[in-house]
């Protein structure tokens, strides 16, 4: 199994209201039904327990490295994720690891 962690920084966290956050969450949570090889998808807004944290986190588990590679280039990122998240995002960082 491979885990993928993505941390998103919002341009303006205050502009990501409850409705926008629900749309972002829903977009990511659709992916396991669209992209083969995703075993789990967990998402959440940062709890602001430490200054400087990213605004949003995605933790996905894949059945293999090949499944992750297929996910990473899948058109669903442009068709589903970008419309919900793209205009709110100033940047992101990722890591993939086995645990």
Protein backbone atom coordinates (compact mmCIF):
# COMPACT_ATOMS: atom_id res chain seq x y z
CA UNK A 1 0.00 0.00 0.00
CA UNK A 2 1.06 3.53 -0.73
CA UNK A 3 -0.07 6.63 1.15
CA UNK A 4 -0.29 10.04 -0.46
CA UNK A 5 -0.38 13.20 1.63
CA UNK A 6 -1.29 16.52 0.06
CA UNK A 7 -1.31 19.79 2.01
CA UNK A 8 -3.04 22.73 0.38
CA UNK A 9 -2.47 26.39 1.20
CA UNK A 10 -5.45 28.64 0.65
CA UNK A 11 -5.00 32.13 -0.86
CA UNK A 12 -7.46 33.55 1.66
CA UNK A 13 -8.66 31.04 4.27
CA UNK A 14 -11.52 33.34 5.28
CA UNK A 15 -12.87 33.22 1.72
CA UNK A 16 -13.31 29.44 1.96
CA UNK A 17 -16.67 29.47 3.69
CA UNK A 18 -18.60 26.43 4.85
CA UNK A 19 -20.29 25.88 1.47
CA UNK A 20 -17.00 26.13 -0.43
CA UNK A 21 -15.34 23.73 2.00
CA UNK A 22 -18.15 21.21 1.61
CA UNK A 23 -17.76 21.41 -2.18
CA UNK A 24 -14.01 20.81 -1.93
CA UNK A 25 -14.51 17.87 0.43
CA UNK A 26 -17.19 16.37 -1.83
CA UNK A 27 -14.97 16.72 -4.89
CA UNK A 28 -12.15 14.75 -3.31
CA UNK A 29 -14.49 12.16 -1.83
CA UNK A 30 -15.89 11.43 -5.32
CA UNK A 31 -12.51 10.26 -6.59
CA UNK A 32 -12.54 6.70 -5.16
CA UNK A 33 -15.68 5.96 -7.19
CA UNK A 34 -14.04 7.31 -10.35
CA UNK A 35 -10.38 6.29 -10.19
CA UNK A 36 -9.49 2.62 -9.73
CA UNK A 37 -6.93 1.70 -7.07
CA UNK A 38 -7.88 4.24 -4.39
CA UNK A 39 -8.43 2.30 -1.18
CA UNK A 40 -9.33 5.27 1.02
CA UNK A 41 -9.60 9.04 0.85
CA UNK A 42 -9.64 11.24 3.95
CA UNK A 43 -9.89 15.02 3.84
CA UNK A 44 -10.07 17.82 6.36
CA UNK A 45 -9.62 21.49 7.04
CA UNK A 46 -6.71 22.39 9.31
CA UNK A 47 -7.67 22.89 12.95
CA UNK A 48 -5.29 25.88 13.29
CA UNK A 49 -3.52 24.40 16.30
CA UNK A 50 -0.14 25.70 15.08
CA UNK A 51 0.66 28.89 13.18
CA UNK A 52 1.82 28.46 9.61
CA UNK A 53 -0.03 25.21 8.92
CA UNK A 54 -1.50 24.46 5.52
CA UNK A 55 -5.23 25.07 5.26
CA UNK A 56 -6.37 21.66 4.06
CA UNK A 57 -5.14 18.10 4.06
CA UNK A 58 -5.81 15.08 1.88
CA UNK A 59 -4.65 11.61 2.88
CA UNK A 60 -5.24 8.92 0.30
CA UNK A 61 -4.25 5.27 0.30
CA UNK A 62 -3.61 3.38 -2.94
CA UNK A 63 -3.27 -0.31 -3.68
CA UNK A 64 0.03 0.22 -5.51
CA UNK A 65 2.49 2.72 -6.91
CA UNK A 66 0.94 2.24 -10.33
CA UNK A 67 -2.50 3.07 -8.91
CA UNK A 68 -1.08 6.29 -7.45
CA UNK A 69 0.57 7.20 -10.75
CA UNK A 70 -2.74 6.71 -12.55
CA UNK A 71 -4.47 8.93 -9.96
CA UNK A 72 -1.83 11.64 -10.18
CA UNK A 73 -2.44 12.22 -13.89
CA UNK A 74 -6.15 11.43 -14.00
CA UNK A 75 -8.42 13.93 -15.78
CA UNK A 76 -10.67 14.06 -12.69
CA UNK A 77 -8.23 16.52 -11.12
CA UNK A 78 -9.12 19.05 -13.82
CA UNK A 79 -12.78 18.08 -14.18
CA UNK A 80 -13.75 17.67 -10.50
CA UNK A 81 -11.07 19.01 -8.14
CA UNK A 82 -9.98 22.17 -9.93
CA UNK A 83 -13.48 23.70 -10.26
CA UNK A 84 -14.03 23.35 -6.50
CA UNK A 85 -10.53 24.13 -5.24
CA UNK A 86 -8.49 25.84 -7.94
CA UNK A 87 -9.48 29.45 -7.34
CA UNK A 88 -8.96 29.09 -3.57
CA UNK A 89 -5.52 27.46 -3.73
CA UNK A 90 -2.24 29.34 -3.62
CA UNK A 91 -0.10 26.21 -3.51
CA UNK A 92 0.33 22.67 -2.30
CA UNK A 93 2.95 20.13 -1.34
CA UNK A 94 2.79 16.36 -1.48
CA UNK A 95 4.56 13.27 -0.18
CA UNK A 96 4.09 9.60 -0.97
CA UNK A 97 5.19 6.93 1.47
CA UNK A 98 4.69 3.34 2.48
CA UNK A 99 3.82 2.62 6.10
